[in-house]
Amino acid sequence: MRRWAIACGVLLIGSGGEAAPLPVGEAASGDELGRDAPLLLAQQVGVDEEPTSRAGEEPTAPGEEPAPPAGEEPTPPGQPAPAGGSGEPGAGGADEPGGKAPGEPATPQPEQPAASVQAAAKPAVSYGAGFHVRALFLHPWFMDLFLDEMTPLNSMAFGGEFIRRKGNFDLIGSIDFGFYSPTDGNYLGNGKDPREKTDYVQFRDLNLLAFAVHFIWHHGFTEWLSLVYGAGVGLGIVLGDIYRISNDSARCNVDNAGDENQCFPRGMDPARRDEFLAANGGTKAQDSPETPHLFKEEDVWPVVPIVHLLVGLNFKISDQFSVRVDGGWRGVTFYMGATGHYFF
């Protein structure tokens, strides 16, 4: 009977009923139990079930948190519950496969390459603009491959460039204007008879406007110095004219064919050459060693291919400015030049 009274008191406290629990040590009478039984049953059916208390523990009052099980320290407010020994799947306790015992250091995970490091490994692309100046020269030792007599070319060219640089490779588009008029003088083709085929040639503003694309590679020696080498292709528009007149066959021979003061057109005074040429203009059909006439050469190509071969050094002044000094073959001449590039 005493156990029944204690159980009824616990039910009244857990359900929030109005009946007060019996004092410990006092037994409830049969009339009281009979009178309160319907009320207790109704309250028990109308409320949610509460977890029963463990044996030997005091019941939990309304509004209070249940006490931790025996042998465990209570968790301070605001701190997560300890993971070890929780019995939860994946809690990582000592009983779990792969779990760590308390106090055992965690195994460090291998570091993975960051995406930023991979991105930095790719060479950056930069763009710039430049201006070049070149000295042009065509020495007779080279022209001996095509002509027995000729005059040298010593001139210059200048132009602009647009550059795309990625790593050690430059892709360059350029526009160039060059002065390609050699010195006026006598010309004779290889294997030709100097008495019949020696001509006096006059160049009138023979220039070349060229457009080209260049492919240049860098081989670095230091942070600021690199070897550059590459090639380019393009087209050149020929500007200006070439005129020529036949020299006197009675005056020209193998020994003097290159001397315009000894080998010159018939009837001309070398001291008054310009006056004679202006007064004796004509056509190619009219010109001969006996009847000299200055005529315009029509066999000049209006457009010529450009082949550019170069090697040189590149000096990095700063991240935005560099200077390239190079030389090689361009068009129909050798050259030496310098180019300054500014990168945006």
Protein backbone atom coordinates (compact mmCIF):
# COMPACT_ATOMS: atom_id res chain seq x y z
CA MET A 1 0.00 0.00 0.00
CA ARG A 2 2.88 2.35 0.73
CA ARG A 3 4.41 1.75 -2.72
CA TRP A 4 1.10 2.54 -4.37
CA ALA A 5 0.87 5.83 -2.53
CA ILE A 6 4.40 6.84 -3.58
CA ALA A 7 3.65 6.02 -7.25
CA CYS A 8 0.48 8.11 -7.16
CA GLY A 9 2.43 11.03 -5.72
CA VAL A 10 5.02 10.83 -8.50
CA LEU A 11 2.28 10.84 -11.14
CA LEU A 12 0.71 13.93 -9.59
CA ILE A 13 4.02 15.82 -9.58
CA GLY A 14 5.01 14.80 -13.20
CA SER A 15 1.58 15.71 -14.63
CA GLY A 16 1.31 19.07 -12.89
CA GLY A 17 -1.88 18.03 -11.10
CA GLU A 18 -3.40 19.93 -8.22
CA ALA A 19 -3.24 17.09 -5.76
CA ALA A 20 -0.30 17.35 -3.41
CA PRO A 21 2.00 14.41 -2.83
CA LEU A 22 1.62 12.44 0.34
CA PRO A 23 4.19 13.07 2.97
CA VAL A 24 6.89 10.50 3.18
CA GLY A 25 6.07 7.97 5.86
CA GLU A 26 2.30 8.39 5.73
CA ALA A 27 0.02 5.88 4.04
CA ALA A 28 -3.00 6.83 2.05
CA SER A 29 -6.31 5.47 3.05
CA GLY A 30 -8.49 3.41 0.75
CA ASP A 31 -11.15 6.13 0.64
CA GLU A 32 -8.60 8.74 -0.55
CA LEU A 33 -7.25 6.43 -3.21
CA GLY A 34 -10.72 5.56 -4.39
CA ARG A 35 -11.77 9.20 -4.49
CA ASP A 36 -8.66 10.44 -6.41
CA ALA A 37 -8.29 7.47 -8.79
CA PRO A 38 -10.53 8.88 -11.56
CA LEU A 39 -8.72 12.23 -11.41
CA LEU A 40 -5.33 10.57 -11.56
CA LEU A 41 -6.33 8.42 -14.50
CA ALA A 42 -7.75 11.42 -16.39
CA GLN A 43 -4.61 13.48 -15.82
CA GLN A 44 -2.40 10.59 -16.85
CA VAL A 45 -4.34 10.12 -20.12
CA GLY A 46 -4.53 13.88 -20.97
CA VAL A 47 -0.82 14.74 -20.72
CA ASP A 48 2.27 13.67 -22.67
CA GLU A 49 4.18 10.83 -21.20
CA GLU A 50 7.22 11.87 -19.26
CA PRO A 51 10.32 9.68 -18.94
CA THR A 52 10.22 7.66 -15.78
CA SER A 53 12.84 8.33 -13.20
CA ARG A 54 15.61 5.91 -12.60
CA ALA A 55 15.58 3.81 -9.53
CA GLY A 56 17.01 5.56 -6.55
CA GLU A 57 16.77 9.06 -8.11
CA GLU A 58 14.68 11.95 -7.01
CA PRO A 59 11.93 13.02 -9.42
CA THR A 60 12.57 16.07 -11.54
CA ALA A 61 10.56 19.11 -10.67
CA PRO A 62 8.82 21.14 -13.40
CA GLY A 63 11.18 23.63 -15.14
CA GLU A 64 14.34 21.87 -14.01
CA GLU A 65 16.75 19.93 -16.22
CA PRO A 66 17.23 16.28 -15.41
CA ALA A 67 20.31 15.41 -13.41
CA PRO A 68 23.17 13.66 -15.25
CA PRO A 69 23.59 9.93 -14.78
CA ALA A 70 25.62 8.77 -11.86
CA GLY A 71 29.38 8.86 -12.44
CA GLU A 72 29.30 11.63 -15.08
CA GLU A 73 30.27 15.24 -14.64
CA PRO A 74 27.61 17.77 -15.66
CA THR A 75 28.37 19.75 -18.78
CA PRO A 76 28.75 23.50 -18.13
CA PRO A 77 26.22 25.69 -19.96
CA GLY A 78 27.35 26.84 -23.43
CA GLN A 79 29.88 24.00 -23.91
CA PRO A 80 29.34 20.98 -26.20
CA ALA A 81 28.97 17.58 -24.66
CA PRO A 82 32.07 15.39 -24.74
CA ALA A 83 32.21 13.16 -27.80
CA GLY A 84 34.20 10.27 -26.34
CA GLY A 85 32.24 7.37 -24.96
CA SER A 86 28.87 8.81 -25.95
CA GLY A 87 27.80 5.64 -27.65
CA GLU A 88 26.48 7.68 -30.59
CA PRO A 89 27.31 6.30 -34.06
CA GLY A 90 30.26 8.26 -35.49
CA ALA A 91 30.99 10.00 -32.21
CA GLY A 92 34.62 9.06 -32.54
CA GLY A 93 35.02 7.42 -29.17
CA ALA A 94 37.60 4.86 -28.28
CA ASP A 95 35.10 2.08 -29.03
CA GLU A 96 34.43 3.31 -32.58
CA PRO A 97 36.59 2.01 -35.47
CA GLY A 98 39.12 4.71 -36.29
CA GLY A 99 38.27 6.65 -33.15
CA LYS A 100 40.93 8.14 -30.91
CA ALA A 101 41.26 7.37 -27.26
CA PRO A 102 41.21 10.34 -24.88
CA GLY A 103 44.55 12.14 -24.92
CA GLU A 104 45.73 10.58 -28.17
CA PRO A 105 46.84 13.26 -30.73
CA ALA A 106 44.84 13.50 -33.93
CA THR A 107 46.47 12.26 -37.12
CA PRO A 108 47.35 15.29 -39.34
CA GLN A 109 45.65 15.28 -42.71
CA PRO A 110 47.88 15.64 -45.82
CA GLU A 111 47.88 19.15 -47.21
CA GLN A 112 46.26 19.59 -50.59
CA PRO A 113 47.56 22.18 -53.10
CA ALA A 114 45.46 25.30 -52.91
CA ALA A 115 43.62 26.48 -55.99
CA SER A 116 45.42 29.82 -55.75
CA VAL A 117 48.80 28.07 -55.95
CA GLN A 118 47.74 26.18 -59.05
CA ALA A 119 46.45 29.36 -60.63
CA ALA A 120 49.70 31.19 -59.86
CA ALA A 121 51.65 28.51 -61.69
CA LYS A 122 50.07 29.57 -64.98
CA PRO A 123 52.06 32.35 -66.69
CA ALA A 124 50.33 35.70 -66.67
CA VAL A 125 49.47 37.49 -69.90
CA SER A 126 50.49 41.13 -70.31
CA TYR A 127 50.04 43.61 -73.13
CA GLY A 128 52.19 46.50 -74.19
CA ALA A 129 53.14 48.94 -76.91
CA GLY A 130 56.55 49.80 -78.26
CA PHE A 131 58.56 51.95 -80.64
CA HIS A 132 61.61 50.81 -82.58
CA VAL A 133 64.45 52.46 -84.50
CA ARG A 134 66.66 50.44 -86.87
CA ALA A 135 69.75 51.01 -88.92
CA LEU A 136 69.55 49.36 -92.37
CA PHE A 137 72.57 48.32 -94.36
CA LEU A 138 73.22 46.28 -97.49
CA HIS A 139 76.90 45.76 -98.17
CA PRO A 140 78.27 44.92 -101.65
CA TRP A 141 79.79 41.67 -100.33
CA PHE A 142 76.24 40.35 -99.98
CA MET A 143 75.00 41.81 -103.25
CA ASP A 144 77.88 40.07 -105.04
CA LEU A 145 75.65 37.01 -104.95
CA PHE A 146 73.34 38.72 -107.45
CA LEU A 147 75.22 41.62 -109.02
CA ASP A 148 78.70 42.26 -110.30
CA GLU A 149 78.36 46.01 -109.72
CA MET A 150 76.10 47.86 -107.29
CA THR A 151 75.98 50.65 -104.70
CA PRO A 152 75.65 50.16 -100.94
CA LEU A 153 72.58 50.90 -98.85
CA ASN A 154 72.98 52.66 -95.50
CA SER A 155 69.68 53.95 -94.19
CA MET A 156 67.19 53.68 -91.34
CA ALA A 157 63.65 52.64 -90.42
CA PHE A 158 61.28 53.26 -87.55
CA GLY A 159 57.92 51.92 -86.47
CA GLY A 160 55.53 50.86 -83.75
CA GLU A 161 54.70 47.53 -82.14
CA PHE A 162 51.89 45.97 -80.14
CA ILE A 163 53.04 43.10 -77.94
CA ARG A 164 51.30 40.24 -76.14
CA ARG A 165 53.60 38.54 -73.64
CA LYS A 166 52.87 35.24 -71.92
CA GLY A 167 55.68 33.69 -69.94
CA ASN A 168 58.77 33.60 -72.16
CA PHE A 169 56.90 34.11 -75.45
CA ASP A 170 56.09 37.36 -77.25
CA LEU A 171 53.55 37.70 -80.04
CA ILE A 172 54.15 41.03 -81.75
CA GLY A 173 52.33 42.89 -84.48
CA SER A 174 54.28 45.76 -86.05
CA ILE A 175 54.09 48.53 -88.61
CA ASP A 176 57.35 49.80 -90.03
CA PHE A 177 58.43 52.55 -92.43
CA GLY A 178 61.89 52.19 -93.96
CA PHE A 179 64.00 54.26 -96.36
CA TYR A 180 65.35 51.83 -98.97
CA SER A 181 67.04 54.09 -101.51
CA PRO A 182 70.68 53.07 -102.11
CA THR A 183 73.20 55.53 -103.47
CA ASP A 184 72.72 56.30 -107.18
CA GLY A 185 75.34 54.59 -109.34
CA ASN A 186 76.25 51.90 -111.86
CA TYR A 187 74.66 48.42 -111.73
CA LEU A 188 75.62 45.26 -113.63
CA GLY A 189 74.04 41.82 -113.29
CA ASN A 190 76.04 38.67 -112.65
CA GLY A 191 77.65 37.31 -115.81
CA LYS A 192 76.49 40.23 -117.98
CA ASP A 193 78.65 42.00 -120.58
CA PRO A 194 79.75 45.31 -118.98
CA ARG A 195 79.93 47.04 -122.39
CA GLU A 196 76.26 46.38 -123.17
CA LYS A 197 74.55 45.87 -119.83
CA THR A 198 75.99 48.43 -117.47
CA ASP A 199 73.25 50.90 -116.40
CA TYR A 200 73.25 54.00 -114.32
CA VAL A 201 70.43 53.61 -111.74
CA GLN A 202 68.70 56.42 -109.89
CA PHE A 203 66.49 55.85 -106.82
CA ARG A 204 63.74 58.36 -106.13
CA ASP A 205 62.24 58.05 -102.66
CA LEU A 206 62.27 54.27 -102.67
CA ASN A 207 60.62 53.43 -99.34
CA LEU A 208 58.83 50.47 -97.81
CA LEU A 209 55.74 50.45 -95.59
CA ALA A 210 55.62 47.03 -93.93
CA PHE A 211 53.16 45.12 -91.76
CA ALA A 212 54.41 42.01 -89.98
CA VAL A 213 53.75 39.49 -87.20
CA HIS A 214 56.68 38.33 -85.06
CA PHE A 215 57.20 35.30 -82.81
CA ILE A 216 59.90 35.88 -80.22
CA TRP A 217 61.13 33.69 -77.36
CA HIS A 218 63.10 34.65 -74.25
CA HIS A 219 65.83 32.67 -72.51
CA GLY A 220 66.50 34.28 -69.15
CA PHE A 221 69.98 34.73 -67.75
CA THR A 222 69.02 36.90 -64.78
CA GLU A 223 65.91 38.63 -63.53
CA TRP A 224 66.62 41.61 -65.77
CA LEU A 225 68.50 40.10 -68.76
CA SER A 226 67.38 37.51 -71.31
CA LEU A 227 68.37 36.28 -74.74
CA VAL A 228 65.70 36.85 -77.41
CA TYR A 229 65.38 35.09 -80.73
CA GLY A 230 62.61 34.56 -83.24
CA ALA A 231 61.16 35.24 -86.64
CA GLY A 232 58.44 37.20 -88.37
CA VAL A 233 56.52 37.33 -91.62
CA GLY A 234 54.63 40.12 -93.34
CA LEU A 235 54.06 42.21 -96.42
CA GLY A 236 55.67 45.45 -97.56
CA ILE A 237 54.15 48.10 -99.80
CA VAL A 238 56.77 49.59 -102.13
CA LEU A 239 56.71 53.36 -102.41
CA GLY A 240 58.82 55.52 -104.74
CA ASP A 241 60.39 54.81 -108.13
CA ILE A 242 63.52 53.46 -109.78
CA TYR A 243 64.95 55.01 -112.97
CA ARG A 244 67.81 53.80 -115.14
CA ILE A 245 69.75 54.66 -118.31
CA SER A 246 72.27 52.69 -120.39
CA ASN A 247 75.95 53.60 -120.24
CA ASP A 248 78.18 54.06 -123.28
CA SER A 249 79.53 50.71 -124.52
CA ALA A 250 82.68 52.44 -125.80
CA ARG A 251 83.55 53.67 -122.31
CA CYS A 252 82.62 50.69 -120.09
CA ASN A 253 84.65 47.54 -119.52
CA VAL A 254 85.32 44.99 -116.79
CA ASP A 255 87.77 47.24 -114.99
CA ASN A 256 85.74 50.45 -114.77
CA ALA A 257 82.13 49.26 -114.88
CA GLY A 258 81.59 50.32 -111.28
CA ASP A 259 83.01 53.84 -111.69
CA GLU A 260 80.28 56.25 -112.86
CA ASN A 261 82.90 58.90 -113.65
CA GLN A 262 84.53 56.65 -116.24
CA CYS A 263 81.59 54.51 -117.32
CA PHE A 264 78.64 56.84 -118.08
CA PRO A 265 76.00 57.46 -120.78
CA ARG A 266 77.12 58.62 -124.21
CA GLY A 267 77.10 62.42 -124.64
CA MET A 268 76.92 63.15 -120.91
CA ASP A 269 79.27 65.37 -118.92
CA PRO A 270 79.70 63.69 -115.51
CA ALA A 271 79.92 67.14 -113.88
CA ARG A 272 76.45 68.00 -115.27
CA ARG A 273 74.76 64.65 -114.83
CA ASP A 274 71.41 65.93 -113.47
CA GLU A 275 70.93 68.31 -116.40
CA PHE A 276 71.61 65.55 -118.91
CA LEU A 277 69.22 63.09 -117.24
CA ALA A 278 66.44 65.67 -117.07
CA ALA A 279 66.82 66.48 -120.77
CA ASN A 280 67.00 62.86 -121.96
CA GLY A 281 63.95 61.17 -120.57
CA GLY A 282 62.12 58.48 -122.52
CA THR A 283 60.97 54.88 -122.49
CA LYS A 284 62.66 51.54 -122.09
CA ALA A 285 62.27 50.85 -125.80
CA GLN A 286 64.14 54.08 -126.69
CA ASP A 287 67.06 53.40 -124.38
CA SER A 288 70.26 51.76 -125.62
CA PRO A 289 74.04 52.27 -125.18
CA GLU A 290 74.07 54.30 -128.43
CA THR A 291 70.89 56.33 -127.72
CA PRO A 292 70.61 56.66 -123.95
CA HIS A 293 67.21 57.62 -122.45
CA LEU A 294 66.34 57.69 -118.77
CA PHE A 295 63.22 55.59 -118.16
CA LYS A 296 61.15 54.40 -115.20
CA GLU A 297 61.62 50.76 -114.26
CA GLU A 298 58.28 48.98 -114.46
CA ASP A 299 59.41 45.61 -113.14
CA VAL A 300 59.34 46.72 -109.50
CA TRP A 301 56.85 44.72 -107.42
CA PRO A 302 54.21 46.91 -105.73
CA VAL A 303 54.04 44.50 -102.78
CA VAL A 304 56.92 42.35 -101.52
CA PRO A 305 57.06 39.60 -98.88
CA ILE A 306 58.79 40.35 -95.60
CA VAL A 307 60.85 37.74 -93.78
CA HIS A 308 62.27 38.76 -90.43
CA LEU A 309 64.97 36.81 -88.56
CA LEU A 310 66.35 38.25 -85.33
CA VAL A 311 68.49 37.60 -82.28
CA GLY A 312 69.32 39.97 -79.45
CA LEU A 313 69.06 40.84 -75.77
CA ASN A 314 66.15 42.06 -73.69
CA PHE A 315 66.76 44.34 -70.71
CA LYS A 316 63.99 44.51 -68.09
CA ILE A 317 64.11 48.01 -66.62
CA SER A 318 60.96 47.56 -64.50
CA ASP A 319 57.75 45.56 -64.50
CA GLN A 320 56.29 48.01 -67.00
CA PHE A 321 59.26 48.95 -69.17
CA SER A 322 61.81 46.89 -71.11
CA VAL A 323 64.30 47.49 -73.94
CA ARG A 324 65.15 44.99 -76.66
CA VAL A 325 68.37 45.33 -78.67
CA ASP A 326 68.44 43.01 -81.67
CA GLY A 327 69.72 42.51 -85.17
CA GLY A 328 69.20 40.25 -88.13
CA TRP A 329 67.68 40.14 -91.56
CA ARG A 330 64.50 41.99 -92.49
CA GLY A 331 63.01 42.35 -95.94
CA VAL A 332 65.96 42.86 -98.27
CA THR A 333 68.47 44.28 -95.80
CA PHE A 334 70.40 43.56 -92.63
CA TYR A 335 69.61 45.71 -89.63
CA MET A 336 70.55 46.61 -86.06
CA GLY A 337 68.01 48.25 -83.82
CA ALA A 338 66.51 48.95 -80.42
CA THR A 339 62.92 48.73 -79.23
CA GLY A 340 61.35 50.12 -76.08
CA HIS A 341 58.20 48.44 -74.71
CA TYR A 342 55.77 49.80 -72.17
CA PHE A 343 53.37 47.29 -70.56
CA PHE A 344 49.95 48.35 -69.35
